[in-house]
Amino acid sequence: MNYVYLLTAIAFEVVATSALKETDGFTRFWPAVITIIGYGLAFYFLSLPLRTMPVGIIYAIWSGAGIVFITAIGWLWFRQSLDLAAVIGIALILAGVLVVNLFSKTLSH
């Protein structure tokens, strides 16, 4: 169940961060509401796996996955360009998240 909570936290964080771009400095009401609620729910769901899993590992997965998804949304939705260095950096972050999930023994403790 911890991974369901973590994936839910990531999803809410990605929605909130995407909406944050649309708030125009918190001058637009609905994007601001979505941002605030999204971050609140993201942190709530992030807190649930932290009851039994290491904070460093959970945060690495949450932030790494969030970075990858937000970058993809920025590229697809907001038409933000990515140069080769950005693509390589994002690939390395994704690789790090995969290594932690697939090979780390820390999660089993």
Protein backbone atom coordinates (compact mmCIF):
# COMPACT_ATOMS: atom_id res chain seq x y z
CA MET A 1 0.00 0.00 0.00
CA ASN A 2 2.97 2.30 0.60
CA TYR A 3 3.67 2.52 -3.12
CA VAL A 4 0.04 3.39 -3.85
CA TYR A 5 0.31 6.25 -1.36
CA LEU A 6 3.61 7.35 -2.85
CA LEU A 7 2.26 7.27 -6.41
CA THR A 8 -0.78 9.24 -5.26
CA ALA A 9 1.50 11.81 -3.62
CA ILE A 10 3.52 12.10 -6.83
CA ALA A 11 0.36 12.54 -8.90
CA PHE A 12 -0.98 15.32 -6.64
CA GLU A 13 2.42 17.04 -6.62
CA VAL A 14 2.61 16.96 -10.41
CA VAL A 15 -0.92 18.39 -10.73
CA ALA A 16 -0.16 21.08 -8.15
CA THR A 17 3.11 22.09 -9.78
CA SER A 18 1.48 22.19 -13.21
CA ALA A 19 -1.27 24.41 -11.83
CA LEU A 20 1.33 26.58 -10.08
CA LYS A 21 2.63 27.67 -13.47
CA GLU A 22 -0.89 28.86 -14.33
CA THR A 23 -1.43 30.85 -11.10
CA ASP A 24 0.48 33.84 -12.49
CA GLY A 25 1.95 34.59 -9.08
CA PHE A 26 -1.23 33.47 -7.28
CA THR A 27 -3.29 36.11 -9.07
CA ARG A 28 -5.57 33.56 -10.78
CA PHE A 29 -8.07 31.99 -8.38
CA TRP A 30 -8.73 28.47 -9.70
CA PRO A 31 -5.15 27.54 -10.53
CA ALA A 32 -4.17 28.83 -7.06
CA VAL A 33 -6.87 26.69 -5.42
CA ILE A 34 -5.74 23.61 -7.37
CA THR A 35 -2.14 24.31 -6.38
CA ILE A 36 -2.88 24.67 -2.67
CA ILE A 37 -5.16 21.64 -2.48
CA GLY A 38 -2.82 19.59 -4.65
CA TYR A 39 0.21 20.28 -2.48
CA GLY A 40 -1.79 19.63 0.69
CA LEU A 41 -2.92 16.24 -0.62
CA ALA A 42 0.57 15.48 -1.94
CA PHE A 43 2.12 16.05 1.47
CA TYR A 44 -0.61 14.08 3.22
CA PHE A 45 -0.12 11.05 0.96
CA LEU A 46 3.66 11.46 1.19
CA SER A 47 3.41 11.26 4.98
CA LEU A 48 1.72 7.85 4.92
CA PRO A 49 4.61 5.70 3.61
CA LEU A 50 6.98 7.66 5.85
CA ARG A 51 5.48 5.82 8.81
CA THR A 52 7.34 2.66 7.80
CA MET A 53 9.85 3.59 5.09
CA PRO A 54 13.06 5.66 5.19
CA VAL A 55 12.54 9.38 4.59
CA GLY A 56 15.57 9.76 2.33
CA ILE A 57 14.50 6.98 -0.01
CA ILE A 58 10.86 8.08 -0.13
CA TYR A 59 11.85 11.69 -0.79
CA ALA A 60 14.31 10.64 -3.51
CA ILE A 61 11.59 8.68 -5.29
CA TRP A 62 8.97 11.41 -4.83
CA SER A 63 11.14 14.27 -5.97
CA GLY A 64 12.86 12.34 -8.76
CA ALA A 65 9.63 11.05 -10.26
CA GLY A 66 8.07 14.49 -9.86
CA ILE A 67 10.94 16.10 -11.73
CA VAL A 68 10.64 13.64 -14.60
CA PHE A 69 6.85 14.04 -14.90
CA ILE A 70 6.92 17.84 -14.55
CA THR A 71 9.61 18.08 -17.20
CA ALA A 72 7.52 15.94 -19.54
CA ILE A 73 4.44 18.11 -18.89
CA GLY A 74 6.49 21.26 -19.43
CA TRP A 75 7.69 19.88 -22.73
CA LEU A 76 4.32 18.54 -23.93
CA TRP A 77 1.78 20.95 -22.42
CA PHE A 78 3.68 24.22 -22.04
CA ARG A 79 5.87 23.68 -25.13
CA GLN A 80 9.07 24.27 -23.17
CA SER A 81 12.17 23.17 -25.03
CA LEU A 82 14.75 20.75 -23.70
CA ASP A 83 18.34 20.74 -24.83
CA LEU A 84 20.58 17.69 -24.82
CA ALA A 85 21.98 18.47 -21.36
CA ALA A 86 18.46 18.65 -19.91
CA VAL A 87 17.46 15.35 -21.52
CA ILE A 88 20.60 13.65 -20.21
CA GLY A 89 20.06 15.08 -16.74
CA ILE A 90 16.43 13.94 -16.64
CA ALA A 91 17.49 10.48 -17.86
CA LEU A 92 20.03 10.30 -15.03
CA ILE A 93 17.37 11.27 -12.47
CA LEU A 94 15.05 8.58 -13.85
CA ALA A 95 17.90 6.07 -13.72
CA GLY A 96 18.52 7.00 -10.09
CA VAL A 97 14.88 6.45 -9.16
CA LEU A 98 14.93 3.07 -10.91
CA VAL A 99 18.17 2.01 -9.20
CA VAL A 100 16.76 2.91 -5.77
CA ASN A 101 13.54 1.00 -6.43
CA LEU A 102 15.04 -2.05 -8.09
CA PHE A 103 18.32 -2.58 -6.25
CA SER A 104 18.33 -0.80 -2.90
CA LYS A 105 18.00 -3.03 0.16
CA THR A 106 17.11 0.06 2.24
CA LEU A 107 13.44 -0.24 1.32
CA SER A 108 13.20 -3.74 2.78
CA HIS A 109 14.20 -2.66 6.29
